[in-house]
Amino acid sequence: MVVVPVLLKSIAALSSVRIVIPKDLRNTDNCRMVGRTIAEVERRFNGEIPTLDPLQDMGIKDEPFMDIIHRIEVLEKRMYAHPVHKRDDLEEVIEAVRKKRLLQEDIKQRRKELRRVRSVYQLDELKHRKRVLRRLGYCTQSDVIERKGRVACEISCGNELVATDLIFNGVFNPLTIQQCVSLLSCFVFEEKCQDLPNIPPELNESFRAVVDTARKIAKISIDSKLELDEEDFVESFKPHLMNVCLAWSKGTSFGEVCKMTDVFEGSIIRSMRRLEELMREMSSAAKAIGNTELEKKFIDGIASIKRDIVFAASLYL
């Protein structure tokens, strides 16, 4: 038998059995006697040495303490009754659970750090976007919303900056109702299309104004340190349905307009419905600046496209 020092955390439990230990354990005979005594205690209790009971052996009657003891007993019964407790690889399972908890805590901390980084990034992006709005005249240097800003607030179905600049630049004023419908279709069509766009000849100049306005806004955004690809932004205004929408607003049947393009019928219907929403918002924007003529033009444009199968509640009607 060897006497070694132990830390307090190495003690799993205290026993109610007490043995007398000699004061000097450096003596070999004393060590052997203690070893024989411990072996005898294990033999008498068949290896199951009773632990110290705080209620019976120590006489603790404190109510909160007794409640804690009762909870421990309930949890131990549940633990021993669990199927995992009977597994041969219980230690490996416990270690795997411990590693899982550590990984979960690590994920939790990393998510907190990610949210903090995102908040900082969003704050920087907000500053850049405010710089764009100030340079375009949508707000003052004190971040007070200007007239253009209030008009842009009315638009959400298309790019509000490009659409607002087109309104203030008078691009829609000389156009007919059908031409306004056709021009606005490039704001809502997002599908990839293989065929070359067939822009109506009378709208070449107007579509060029859309492209120039989009390029100007893209350059200002990039100068303001916003992450934006100029060409991708300009190409997001697709003119592939301009001739289709122009023909549809003039009363052409759906079967005929489908023959004018390779775009799927479902994509045409979806774009038309988005176009109707955009024109409703454009009429509100025109109303915000007091341009009743332009407001009526957009409302009449809605009436010209909102018909037949495109806006039917069900295809089975």
C-alpha atoms as a PDB file:
ATOM      1  CA  MET A   1       0.000   0.000   0.000  1.00  0.00           C
ATOM      2  CA  VAL A   2       1.260   3.481  -0.957  1.00  0.00           C
ATOM      3  CA  VAL A   3       0.083   6.798   0.498  1.00  0.00           C
ATOM      4  CA  VAL A   4      -0.422   9.504  -2.125  1.00  0.00           C
ATOM      5  CA  PRO A   5      -1.949  13.011  -1.937  1.00  0.00           C
ATOM      6  CA  VAL A   6      -5.284  13.624  -3.759  1.00  0.00           C
ATOM      7  CA  LEU A   7      -7.219  16.721  -4.811  1.00  0.00           C
ATOM      8  CA  LEU A   8     -10.672  17.458  -3.438  1.00  0.00           C
ATOM      9  CA  LYS A   9     -12.238  17.074  -6.897  1.00  0.00           C
ATOM     10  CA  SER A  10     -10.960  13.485  -6.997  1.00  0.00           C
ATOM     11  CA  ILE A  11     -13.334  12.512  -4.158  1.00  0.00           C
ATOM     12  CA  ALA A  12     -16.586  11.112  -5.629  1.00  0.00           C
ATOM     13  CA  ALA A  13     -18.468  10.446  -2.345  1.00  0.00           C
ATOM     14  CA  LEU A  14     -18.087  10.108   1.423  1.00  0.00           C
ATOM     15  CA  SER A  15     -18.914   6.865   3.252  1.00  0.00           C
ATOM     16  CA  SER A  16     -20.799   6.460   6.509  1.00  0.00           C
ATOM     17  CA  VAL A  17     -18.261   3.742   7.497  1.00  0.00           C
ATOM     18  CA  ARG A  18     -15.360   5.091   9.509  1.00  0.00           C
ATOM     19  CA  ILE A  19     -12.078   3.275  10.152  1.00  0.00           C
ATOM     20  CA  VAL A  20      -9.299   4.177  12.571  1.00  0.00           C
ATOM     21  CA  ILE A  21      -6.100   5.168  10.807  1.00  0.00           C
ATOM     22  CA  PRO A  22      -2.773   5.375  12.653  1.00  0.00           C
ATOM     23  CA  LYS A  23      -1.231   8.825  12.903  1.00  0.00           C
ATOM     24  CA  ASP A  24       1.998   7.767  11.218  1.00  0.00           C
ATOM     25  CA  LEU A  25       1.477   6.099   7.836  1.00  0.00           C
ATOM     26  CA  ARG A  26       5.148   6.224   6.954  1.00  0.00           C
ATOM     27  CA  ASN A  27       5.576   2.997   8.892  1.00  0.00           C
ATOM     28  CA  THR A  28       5.242  -0.094   6.677  1.00  0.00           C
ATOM     29  CA  ASP A  29       3.345  -2.087   9.299  1.00  0.00           C
ATOM     30  CA  ASN A  30       0.798   0.708   9.777  1.00  0.00           C
ATOM     31  CA  CYS A  31       0.214   0.910   6.000  1.00  0.00           C
ATOM     32  CA  ARG A  32      -0.361  -2.845   5.805  1.00  0.00           C
ATOM     33  CA  MET A  33      -2.798  -2.680   8.711  1.00  0.00           C
ATOM     34  CA  VAL A  34      -4.830   0.072   7.005  1.00  0.00           C
ATOM     35  CA  GLY A  35      -4.833  -1.966   3.765  1.00  0.00           C
ATOM     36  CA  ARG A  36      -6.199  -5.012   5.594  1.00  0.00           C
ATOM     37  CA  THR A  37      -8.858  -2.872   7.279  1.00  0.00           C
ATOM     38  CA  ILE A  38     -10.071  -1.434   3.955  1.00  0.00           C
ATOM     39  CA  ALA A  39     -10.142  -4.927   2.429  1.00  0.00           C
ATOM     40  CA  GLU A  40     -12.208  -6.178   5.379  1.00  0.00           C
ATOM     41  CA  VAL A  41     -14.708  -3.321   4.977  1.00  0.00           C
ATOM     42  CA  GLU A  42     -15.107  -4.153   1.274  1.00  0.00           C
ATOM     43  CA  ARG A  43     -15.625  -7.841   2.133  1.00  0.00           C
ATOM     44  CA  ARG A  44     -18.313  -7.126   4.733  1.00  0.00           C
ATOM     45  CA  PHE A  45     -20.305  -4.887   2.402  1.00  0.00           C
ATOM     46  CA  ASN A  46     -19.710  -7.028  -0.728  1.00  0.00           C
ATOM     47  CA  GLY A  47     -17.895  -4.161  -2.438  1.00  0.00           C
ATOM     48  CA  GLU A  48     -20.883  -1.768  -2.024  1.00  0.00           C
ATOM     49  CA  ILE A  49     -19.691   0.550   0.710  1.00  0.00           C
ATOM     50  CA  PRO A  50     -22.602   2.731   1.945  1.00  0.00           C
ATOM     51  CA  THR A  51     -22.306   6.447   1.331  1.00  0.00           C
ATOM     52  CA  LEU A  52     -22.925   9.127   3.906  1.00  0.00           C
ATOM     53  CA  ASP A  53     -26.653   9.960   4.065  1.00  0.00           C
ATOM     54  CA  PRO A  54     -27.218  13.660   4.903  1.00  0.00           C
ATOM     55  CA  LEU A  55     -30.647  12.990   6.369  1.00  0.00           C
ATOM     56  CA  GLN A  56     -30.103   9.825   8.445  1.00  0.00           C
ATOM     57  CA  ASP A  57     -26.390  10.032   9.263  1.00  0.00           C
ATOM     58  CA  MET A  58     -25.981  13.804   9.525  1.00  0.00           C
ATOM     59  CA  GLY A  59     -29.495  14.715  10.704  1.00  0.00           C
ATOM     60  CA  ILE A  60     -30.014  17.610   8.282  1.00  0.00           C
ATOM     61  CA  LYS A  61     -33.709  18.592   8.266  1.00  0.00           C
ATOM     62  CA  ASP A  62     -33.539  21.849   6.307  1.00  0.00           C
ATOM     63  CA  GLU A  63     -36.519  22.067   3.889  1.00  0.00           C
ATOM     64  CA  PRO A  64     -34.660  23.490   0.856  1.00  0.00           C
ATOM     65  CA  PHE A  65     -31.959  20.871   1.306  1.00  0.00           C
ATOM     66  CA  MET A  66     -34.498  18.049   1.507  1.00  0.00           C
ATOM     67  CA  ASP A  67     -36.128  19.354  -1.657  1.00  0.00           C
ATOM     68  CA  ILE A  68     -32.751  19.213  -3.423  1.00  0.00           C
ATOM     69  CA  ILE A  69     -32.211  15.631  -2.213  1.00  0.00           C
ATOM     70  CA  HIS A  70     -35.637  14.666  -3.552  1.00  0.00           C
ATOM     71  CA  ARG A  71     -34.853  16.180  -6.945  1.00  0.00           C
ATOM     72  CA  ILE A  72     -31.549  14.317  -7.078  1.00  0.00           C
ATOM     73  CA  GLU A  73     -33.322  11.021  -6.348  1.00  0.00           C
ATOM     74  CA  VAL A  74     -35.889  11.638  -9.090  1.00  0.00           C
ATOM     75  CA  LEU A  75     -33.183  12.518 -11.622  1.00  0.00           C
ATOM     76  CA  GLU A  76     -31.090   9.481 -10.668  1.00  0.00           C
ATOM     77  CA  LYS A  77     -34.090   7.169 -11.180  1.00  0.00           C
ATOM     78  CA  ARG A  78     -34.686   8.686 -14.616  1.00  0.00           C
ATOM     79  CA  MET A  79     -30.994   8.401 -15.445  1.00  0.00           C
ATOM     80  CA  TYR A  80     -30.711   4.734 -14.425  1.00  0.00           C
ATOM     81  CA  ALA A  81     -33.951   3.878 -16.242  1.00  0.00           C
ATOM     82  CA  HIS A  82     -32.734   5.428 -19.507  1.00  0.00           C
ATOM     83  CA  PRO A  83     -31.709   2.840 -22.161  1.00  0.00           C
ATOM     84  CA  VAL A  84     -28.405   4.632 -22.743  1.00  0.00           C
ATOM     85  CA  HIS A  85     -27.323   3.871 -19.163  1.00  0.00           C
ATOM     86  CA  LYS A  86     -27.297   0.149 -19.974  1.00  0.00           C
ATOM     87  CA  ARG A  87     -25.040   0.492 -23.000  1.00  0.00           C
ATOM     88  CA  ASP A  88     -21.574  -0.999 -22.882  1.00  0.00           C
ATOM     89  CA  ASP A  89     -20.069   2.086 -24.541  1.00  0.00           C
ATOM     90  CA  LEU A  90     -21.594   4.508 -22.022  1.00  0.00           C
ATOM     91  CA  GLU A  91     -18.327   6.372 -21.476  1.00  0.00           C
ATOM     92  CA  GLU A  92     -17.884   6.914 -25.221  1.00  0.00           C
ATOM     93  CA  VAL A  93     -21.473   8.163 -25.496  1.00  0.00           C
ATOM     94  CA  ILE A  94     -20.959  10.587 -22.597  1.00  0.00           C
ATOM     95  CA  GLU A  95     -17.755  11.861 -24.186  1.00  0.00           C
ATOM     96  CA  ALA A  96     -19.541  12.336 -27.535  1.00  0.00           C
ATOM     97  CA  VAL A  97     -22.321  14.311 -25.813  1.00  0.00           C
ATOM     98  CA  ARG A  98     -19.732  16.439 -24.039  1.00  0.00           C
ATOM     99  CA  LYS A  99     -18.017  17.233 -27.342  1.00  0.00           C
ATOM    100  CA  LYS A 100     -21.407  18.040 -28.875  1.00  0.00           C
ATOM    101  CA  ARG A 101     -22.162  20.509 -26.086  1.00  0.00           C
ATOM    102  CA  LEU A 102     -18.781  22.145 -26.571  1.00  0.00           C
ATOM    103  CA  LEU A 103     -19.407  22.438 -30.310  1.00  0.00           C
ATOM    104  CA  GLN A 104     -22.861  23.911 -29.659  1.00  0.00           C
ATOM    105  CA  GLU A 105     -21.369  26.512 -27.342  1.00  0.00           C
ATOM    106  CA  ASP A 106     -18.712  27.294 -29.949  1.00  0.00           C
ATOM    107  CA  ILE A 107     -21.389  27.687 -32.651  1.00  0.00           C
ATOM    108  CA  LYS A 108     -23.384  29.952 -30.340  1.00  0.00           C
ATOM    109  CA  GLN A 109     -20.383  32.196 -29.722  1.00  0.00           C
ATOM    110  CA  ARG A 110     -19.507  32.320 -33.417  1.00  0.00           C
ATOM    111  CA  ARG A 111     -23.091  33.271 -34.296  1.00  0.00           C
ATOM    112  CA  LYS A 112     -22.917  36.127 -31.804  1.00  0.00           C
ATOM    113  CA  GLU A 113     -19.676  37.276 -33.403  1.00  0.00           C
ATOM    114  CA  LEU A 114     -21.232  36.961 -36.886  1.00  0.00           C
ATOM    115  CA  ARG A 115     -24.220  39.097 -35.831  1.00  0.00           C
ATOM    116  CA  ARG A 116     -21.852  41.708 -34.442  1.00  0.00           C
ATOM    117  CA  VAL A 117     -19.821  41.768 -37.671  1.00  0.00           C
ATOM    118  CA  ARG A 118     -23.003  41.970 -39.752  1.00  0.00           C
ATOM    119  CA  SER A 119     -24.309  44.858 -37.701  1.00  0.00           C
ATOM    120  CA  VAL A 120     -21.065  46.743 -38.310  1.00  0.00           C
ATOM    121  CA  TYR A 121     -21.192  45.891 -42.024  1.00  0.00           C
ATOM    122  CA  GLN A 122     -24.839  46.969 -42.283  1.00  0.00           C
ATOM    123  CA  LEU A 123     -23.988  50.208 -40.526  1.00  0.00           C
ATOM    124  CA  ASP A 124     -21.266  50.911 -43.098  1.00  0.00           C
ATOM    125  CA  GLU A 125     -23.613  49.941 -45.942  1.00  0.00           C
ATOM    126  CA  LEU A 126     -26.271  52.276 -44.533  1.00  0.00           C
ATOM    127  CA  LYS A 127     -23.772  55.140 -44.601  1.00  0.00           C
ATOM    128  CA  HIS A 128     -22.898  54.337 -48.218  1.00  0.00           C
ATOM    129  CA  ARG A 129     -26.564  54.176 -49.255  1.00  0.00           C
ATOM    130  CA  LYS A 130     -27.286  57.496 -47.566  1.00  0.00           C
ATOM    131  CA  ARG A 131     -24.362  58.965 -49.490  1.00  0.00           C
ATOM    132  CA  VAL A 132     -25.931  57.745 -52.751  1.00  0.00           C
ATOM    133  CA  LEU A 133     -29.296  59.300 -51.840  1.00  0.00           C
ATOM    134  CA  ARG A 134     -27.663  62.617 -51.006  1.00  0.00           C
ATOM    135  CA  ARG A 135     -25.727  62.712 -54.288  1.00  0.00           C
ATOM    136  CA  LEU A 136     -28.878  61.892 -56.280  1.00  0.00           C
ATOM    137  CA  GLY A 137     -30.891  64.564 -54.500  1.00  0.00           C
ATOM    138  CA  TYR A 138     -33.242  62.259 -52.606  1.00  0.00           C
ATOM    139  CA  CYS A 139     -32.327  63.760 -49.237  1.00  0.00           C
ATOM    140  CA  THR A 140     -30.411  66.716 -47.854  1.00  0.00           C
ATOM    141  CA  GLN A 141     -27.019  66.706 -46.173  1.00  0.00           C
ATOM    142  CA  SER A 142     -28.934  66.502 -42.881  1.00  0.00           C
ATOM    143  CA  ASP A 143     -30.720  63.339 -44.120  1.00  0.00           C
ATOM    144  CA  VAL A 144     -34.058  65.130 -44.511  1.00  0.00           C
ATOM    145  CA  ILE A 145     -36.153  63.473 -47.249  1.00  0.00           C
ATOM    146  CA  GLU A 146     -36.595  65.637 -50.325  1.00  0.00           C
ATOM    147  CA  ARG A 147     -39.410  65.574 -52.876  1.00  0.00           C
ATOM    148  CA  LYS A 148     -37.659  62.905 -54.967  1.00  0.00           C
ATOM    149  CA  GLY A 149     -37.265  60.779 -51.864  1.00  0.00           C
ATOM    150  CA  ARG A 150     -40.994  60.902 -51.095  1.00  0.00           C
ATOM    151  CA  VAL A 151     -41.757  59.879 -54.688  1.00  0.00           C
ATOM    152  CA  ALA A 152     -39.290  56.966 -54.505  1.00  0.00           C
ATOM    153  CA  CYS A 153     -41.036  55.733 -51.349  1.00  0.00           C
ATOM    154  CA  GLU A 154     -44.118  54.981 -53.455  1.00  0.00           C
ATOM    155  CA  ILE A 155     -42.246  52.457 -55.637  1.00  0.00           C
ATOM    156  CA  SER A 156     -41.204  48.965 -54.579  1.00  0.00           C
ATOM    157  CA  CYS A 157     -41.939  46.570 -57.486  1.00  0.00           C
ATOM    158  CA  GLY A 158     -39.073  47.950 -59.600  1.00  0.00           C
ATOM    159  CA  ASN A 159     -35.886  49.877 -59.030  1.00  0.00           C
ATOM    160  CA  GLU A 160     -37.222  52.975 -57.314  1.00  0.00           C
ATOM    161  CA  LEU A 161     -34.163  55.155 -58.005  1.00  0.00           C
ATOM    162  CA  VAL A 162     -34.195  54.606 -61.772  1.00  0.00           C
ATOM    163  CA  ALA A 163     -37.986  54.917 -62.007  1.00  0.00           C
ATOM    164  CA  THR A 164     -38.022  58.140 -59.958  1.00  0.00           C
ATOM    165  CA  ASP A 165     -35.260  59.712 -62.039  1.00  0.00           C
ATOM    166  CA  LEU A 166     -37.174  58.852 -65.207  1.00  0.00           C
ATOM    167  CA  ILE A 167     -40.277  60.583 -63.821  1.00  0.00           C
ATOM    168  CA  PHE A 168     -38.364  63.729 -62.855  1.00  0.00           C
ATOM    169  CA  ASN A 169     -36.497  63.751 -66.183  1.00  0.00           C
ATOM    170  CA  GLY A 170     -39.818  63.720 -68.033  1.00  0.00           C
ATOM    171  CA  VAL A 171     -39.159  60.494 -69.933  1.00  0.00           C
ATOM    172  CA  PHE A 172     -42.789  59.348 -69.641  1.00  0.00           C
ATOM    173  CA  ASN A 173     -44.381  62.694 -70.554  1.00  0.00           C
ATOM    174  CA  PRO A 174     -44.239  62.414 -74.384  1.00  0.00           C
ATOM    175  CA  LEU A 175     -45.063  58.686 -74.432  1.00  0.00           C
ATOM    176  CA  THR A 176     -48.481  57.229 -75.109  1.00  0.00           C
ATOM    177  CA  ILE A 177     -50.256  54.970 -72.628  1.00  0.00           C
ATOM    178  CA  GLN A 178     -49.162  51.829 -74.494  1.00  0.00           C
ATOM    179  CA  GLN A 179     -45.566  53.056 -74.751  1.00  0.00           C
ATOM    180  CA  CYS A 180     -45.432  53.691 -70.990  1.00  0.00           C
ATOM    181  CA  VAL A 181     -46.616  50.121 -70.418  1.00  0.00           C
ATOM    182  CA  SER A 182     -43.971  48.805 -72.795  1.00  0.00           C
ATOM    183  CA  LEU A 183     -41.136  50.814 -71.250  1.00  0.00           C
ATOM    184  CA  LEU A 184     -41.982  49.813 -67.690  1.00  0.00           C
ATOM    185  CA  SER A 185     -41.922  46.124 -68.642  1.00  0.00           C
ATOM    186  CA  CYS A 186     -38.113  46.190 -68.542  1.00  0.00           C
ATOM    187  CA  PHE A 187     -38.343  46.872 -64.783  1.00  0.00           C
ATOM    188  CA  VAL A 188     -40.258  43.674 -63.980  1.00  0.00           C
ATOM    189  CA  PHE A 189     -38.969  41.025 -66.403  1.00  0.00           C
ATOM    190  CA  GLU A 190     -36.232  38.974 -64.703  1.00  0.00           C
ATOM    191  CA  GLU A 191     -36.115  35.725 -66.690  1.00  0.00           C
ATOM    192  CA  LYS A 192     -33.059  34.682 -68.678  1.00  0.00           C
ATOM    193  CA  CYS A 193     -33.852  34.857 -72.371  1.00  0.00           C
ATOM    194  CA  GLN A 194     -31.814  33.522 -75.287  1.00  0.00           C
ATOM    195  CA  ASP A 195     -33.428  35.472 -78.117  1.00  0.00           C
ATOM    196  CA  LEU A 196     -32.306  39.002 -78.915  1.00  0.00           C
ATOM    197  CA  PRO A 197     -34.538  41.778 -77.544  1.00  0.00           C
ATOM    198  CA  ASN A 198     -36.900  43.303 -80.086  1.00  0.00           C
ATOM    199  CA  ILE A 199     -37.266  46.902 -78.923  1.00  0.00           C
ATOM    200  CA  PRO A 200     -40.064  48.859 -80.625  1.00  0.00           C
ATOM    201  CA  PRO A 201     -38.422  51.526 -82.830  1.00  0.00           C
ATOM    202  CA  GLU A 202     -40.429  54.349 -81.261  1.00  0.00           C
ATOM    203  CA  LEU A 203     -39.046  53.403 -77.830  1.00  0.00           C
ATOM    204  CA  ASN A 204     -35.348  53.165 -78.682  1.00  0.00           C
ATOM    205  CA  GLU A 205     -34.624  56.618 -77.295  1.00  0.00           C
ATOM    206  CA  SER A 206     -36.702  56.028 -74.158  1.00  0.00           C
ATOM    207  CA  PHE A 207     -34.995  52.698 -73.418  1.00  0.00           C
ATOM    208  CA  ARG A 208     -31.624  54.385 -73.945  1.00  0.00           C
ATOM    209  CA  ALA A 209     -32.680  56.871 -71.260  1.00  0.00           C
ATOM    210  CA  VAL A 210     -33.369  53.937 -68.925  1.00  0.00           C
ATOM    211  CA  VAL A 211     -29.928  52.468 -69.604  1.00  0.00           C
ATOM    212  CA  ASP A 212     -28.172  55.827 -69.176  1.00  0.00           C
ATOM    213  CA  THR A 213     -30.011  56.502 -65.911  1.00  0.00           C
ATOM    214  CA  ALA A 214     -29.183  53.040 -64.589  1.00  0.00           C
ATOM    215  CA  ARG A 215     -25.521  53.450 -65.527  1.00  0.00           C
ATOM    216  CA  LYS A 216     -25.362  56.861 -63.822  1.00  0.00           C
ATOM    217  CA  ILE A 217     -26.868  55.458 -60.596  1.00  0.00           C
ATOM    218  CA  ALA A 218     -24.530  52.457 -60.728  1.00  0.00           C
ATOM    219  CA  LYS A 219     -21.450  54.698 -61.060  1.00  0.00           C
ATOM    220  CA  ILE A 220     -22.582  56.909 -58.165  1.00  0.00           C
ATOM    221  CA  SER A 221     -23.215  53.790 -56.053  1.00  0.00           C
ATOM    222  CA  ILE A 222     -19.756  52.421 -56.812  1.00  0.00           C
ATOM    223  CA  ASP A 223     -18.172  55.807 -56.056  1.00  0.00           C
ATOM    224  CA  SER A 224     -20.028  55.737 -52.742  1.00  0.00           C
ATOM    225  CA  LYS A 225     -18.340  52.365 -51.964  1.00  0.00           C
ATOM    226  CA  LEU A 226     -21.418  50.197 -52.431  1.00  0.00           C
ATOM    227  CA  GLU A 227     -20.678  46.697 -53.715  1.00  0.00           C
ATOM    228  CA  LEU A 228     -22.294  46.768 -57.156  1.00  0.00           C
ATOM    229  CA  ASP A 229     -21.393  45.524 -60.608  1.00  0.00           C
ATOM    230  CA  GLU A 230     -22.196  48.235 -63.125  1.00  0.00           C
ATOM    231  CA  GLU A 231     -22.840  45.956 -66.103  1.00  0.00           C
ATOM    232  CA  ASP A 232     -24.983  43.510 -64.125  1.00  0.00           C
ATOM    233  CA  PHE A 233     -27.064  46.385 -62.786  1.00  0.00           C
ATOM    234  CA  VAL A 234     -27.602  47.892 -66.240  1.00  0.00           C
ATOM    235  CA  GLU A 235     -28.400  44.506 -67.774  1.00  0.00           C
ATOM    236  CA  SER A 236     -31.037  43.846 -65.089  1.00  0.00           C
ATOM    237  CA  PHE A 237     -33.351  46.114 -67.093  1.00  0.00           C
ATOM    238  CA  LYS A 238     -34.343  43.604 -69.763  1.00  0.00           C
ATOM    239  CA  PRO A 239     -36.258  44.832 -72.845  1.00  0.00           C
ATOM    240  CA  HIS A 240     -37.284  41.340 -74.036  1.00  0.00           C
ATOM    241  CA  LEU A 241     -41.003  41.853 -73.302  1.00  0.00           C
ATOM    242  CA  MET A 242     -41.342  45.428 -74.501  1.00  0.00           C
ATOM    243  CA  ASN A 243     -42.880  44.481 -77.849  1.00  0.00           C
ATOM    244  CA  VAL A 244     -45.097  41.869 -76.148  1.00  0.00           C
ATOM    245  CA  CYS A 245     -46.453  44.354 -73.593  1.00  0.00           C
ATOM    246  CA  LEU A 246     -46.924  46.978 -76.272  1.00  0.00           C
ATOM    247  CA  ALA A 247     -49.014  44.589 -78.376  1.00  0.00           C
ATOM    248  CA  TRP A 248     -50.970  43.329 -75.339  1.00  0.00           C
ATOM    249  CA  SER A 249     -51.864  46.862 -74.235  1.00  0.00           C
ATOM    250  CA  LYS A 250     -53.171  47.530 -77.763  1.00  0.00           C
ATOM    251  CA  GLY A 251     -55.631  44.614 -77.497  1.00  0.00           C
ATOM    252  CA  THR A 252     -53.728  41.764 -79.168  1.00  0.00           C
ATOM    253  CA  SER A 253     -54.813  38.284 -78.068  1.00  0.00           C
ATOM    254  CA  PHE A 254     -52.678  36.245 -75.683  1.00  0.00           C
ATOM    255  CA  GLY A 255     -52.078  33.579 -78.308  1.00  0.00           C
ATOM    256  CA  GLU A 256     -50.678  36.152 -80.705  1.00  0.00           C
ATOM    257  CA  VAL A 257     -48.332  37.803 -78.197  1.00  0.00           C
ATOM    258  CA  CYS A 258     -46.971  34.386 -77.175  1.00  0.00           C
ATOM    259  CA  LYS A 259     -45.847  33.894 -80.785  1.00  0.00           C
ATOM    260  CA  MET A 260     -43.822  37.103 -80.584  1.00  0.00           C
ATOM    261  CA  THR A 261     -41.312  35.729 -78.057  1.00  0.00           C
ATOM    262  CA  ASP A 262     -39.665  32.522 -76.812  1.00  0.00           C
ATOM    263  CA  VAL A 263     -40.477  33.413 -73.204  1.00  0.00           C
ATOM    264  CA  PHE A 264     -42.739  30.874 -71.469  1.00  0.00           C
ATOM    265  CA  GLU A 265     -46.401  31.743 -71.078  1.00  0.00           C
ATOM    266  CA  GLY A 266     -46.164  31.535 -67.281  1.00  0.00           C
ATOM    267  CA  SER A 267     -43.295  34.027 -67.254  1.00  0.00           C
ATOM    268  CA  ILE A 268     -45.309  36.412 -69.429  1.00  0.00           C
ATOM    269  CA  ILE A 269     -48.295  36.221 -67.075  1.00  0.00           C
ATOM    270  CA  ARG A 270     -46.102  36.676 -64.002  1.00  0.00           C
ATOM    271  CA  SER A 271     -44.377  39.698 -65.535  1.00  0.00           C
ATOM    272  CA  MET A 272     -47.713  41.238 -66.583  1.00  0.00           C
ATOM    273  CA  ARG A 273     -49.052  40.972 -63.049  1.00  0.00           C
ATOM    274  CA  ARG A 274     -45.917  42.543 -61.625  1.00  0.00           C
ATOM    275  CA  LEU A 275     -46.187  45.238 -64.281  1.00  0.00           C
ATOM    276  CA  GLU A 276     -49.722  46.024 -63.112  1.00  0.00           C
ATOM    277  CA  GLU A 277     -48.444  46.460 -59.540  1.00  0.00           C
ATOM    278  CA  LEU A 278     -45.578  48.673 -60.726  1.00  0.00           C
ATOM    279  CA  MET A 279     -47.911  50.896 -62.754  1.00  0.00           C
ATOM    280  CA  ARG A 280     -50.190  51.276 -59.750  1.00  0.00           C
ATOM    281  CA  GLU A 281     -47.186  52.449 -57.728  1.00  0.00           C
ATOM    282  CA  MET A 282     -46.085  54.756 -60.556  1.00  0.00           C
ATOM    283  CA  SER A 283     -49.515  56.392 -60.554  1.00  0.00           C
ATOM    284  CA  SER A 284     -49.143  56.998 -56.798  1.00  0.00           C
ATOM    285  CA  ALA A 285     -45.684  58.465 -57.441  1.00  0.00           C
ATOM    286  CA  ALA A 286     -47.090  60.793 -60.118  1.00  0.00           C
ATOM    287  CA  LYS A 287     -49.845  61.812 -57.727  1.00  0.00           C
ATOM    288  CA  ALA A 288     -47.232  62.628 -55.055  1.00  0.00           C
ATOM    289  CA  ILE A 289     -45.683  65.287 -57.307  1.00  0.00           C
ATOM    290  CA  GLY A 290     -49.061  66.563 -58.473  1.00  0.00           C
ATOM    291  CA  ASN A 291     -48.739  65.389 -62.071  1.00  0.00           C
ATOM    292  CA  THR A 292     -52.362  64.405 -62.704  1.00  0.00           C
ATOM    293  CA  GLU A 293     -51.821  63.848 -66.427  1.00  0.00           C
ATOM    294  CA  LEU A 294     -49.082  61.295 -65.800  1.00  0.00           C
ATOM    295  CA  GLU A 295     -51.123  59.721 -62.997  1.00  0.00           C
ATOM    296  CA  LYS A 296     -54.077  59.218 -65.376  1.00  0.00           C
ATOM    297  CA  LYS A 297     -51.736  57.806 -68.032  1.00  0.00           C
ATOM    298  CA  PHE A 298     -50.536  55.070 -65.672  1.00  0.00           C
ATOM    299  CA  ILE A 299     -54.084  54.301 -64.490  1.00  0.00           C
ATOM    300  CA  ASP A 300     -55.239  53.972 -68.096  1.00  0.00           C
ATOM    301  CA  GLY A 301     -52.218  51.740 -68.720  1.00  0.00           C
ATOM    302  CA  ILE A 302     -53.407  49.405 -65.965  1.00  0.00           C
ATOM    303  CA  ALA A 303     -56.831  49.219 -67.620  1.00  0.00           C
ATOM    304  CA  SER A 304     -55.228  48.396 -70.976  1.00  0.00           C
ATOM    305  CA  ILE A 305     -53.368  45.305 -69.700  1.00  0.00           C
ATOM    306  CA  LYS A 306     -55.695  44.018 -66.984  1.00  0.00           C
ATOM    307  CA  ARG A 307     -57.836  41.670 -69.037  1.00  0.00           C
ATOM    308  CA  ASP A 308     -58.440  38.102 -70.233  1.00  0.00           C
ATOM    309  CA  ILE A 309     -56.421  35.078 -69.136  1.00  0.00           C
ATOM    310  CA  VAL A 310     -53.453  37.090 -67.825  1.00  0.00           C
ATOM    311  CA  PHE A 311     -55.471  38.394 -64.875  1.00  0.00           C
ATOM    312  CA  ALA A 312     -57.995  35.572 -64.565  1.00  0.00           C
ATOM    313  CA  ALA A 313     -58.500  34.329 -61.001  1.00  0.00           C
ATOM    314  CA  SER A 314     -58.240  30.731 -62.238  1.00  0.00           C
ATOM    315  CA  LEU A 315     -57.221  29.085 -65.518  1.00  0.00           C
ATOM    316  CA  TYR A 316     -60.157  26.674 -65.134  1.00  0.00           C
ATOM    317  CA  LEU A 317     -62.819  29.379 -65.398  1.00  0.00           C
END
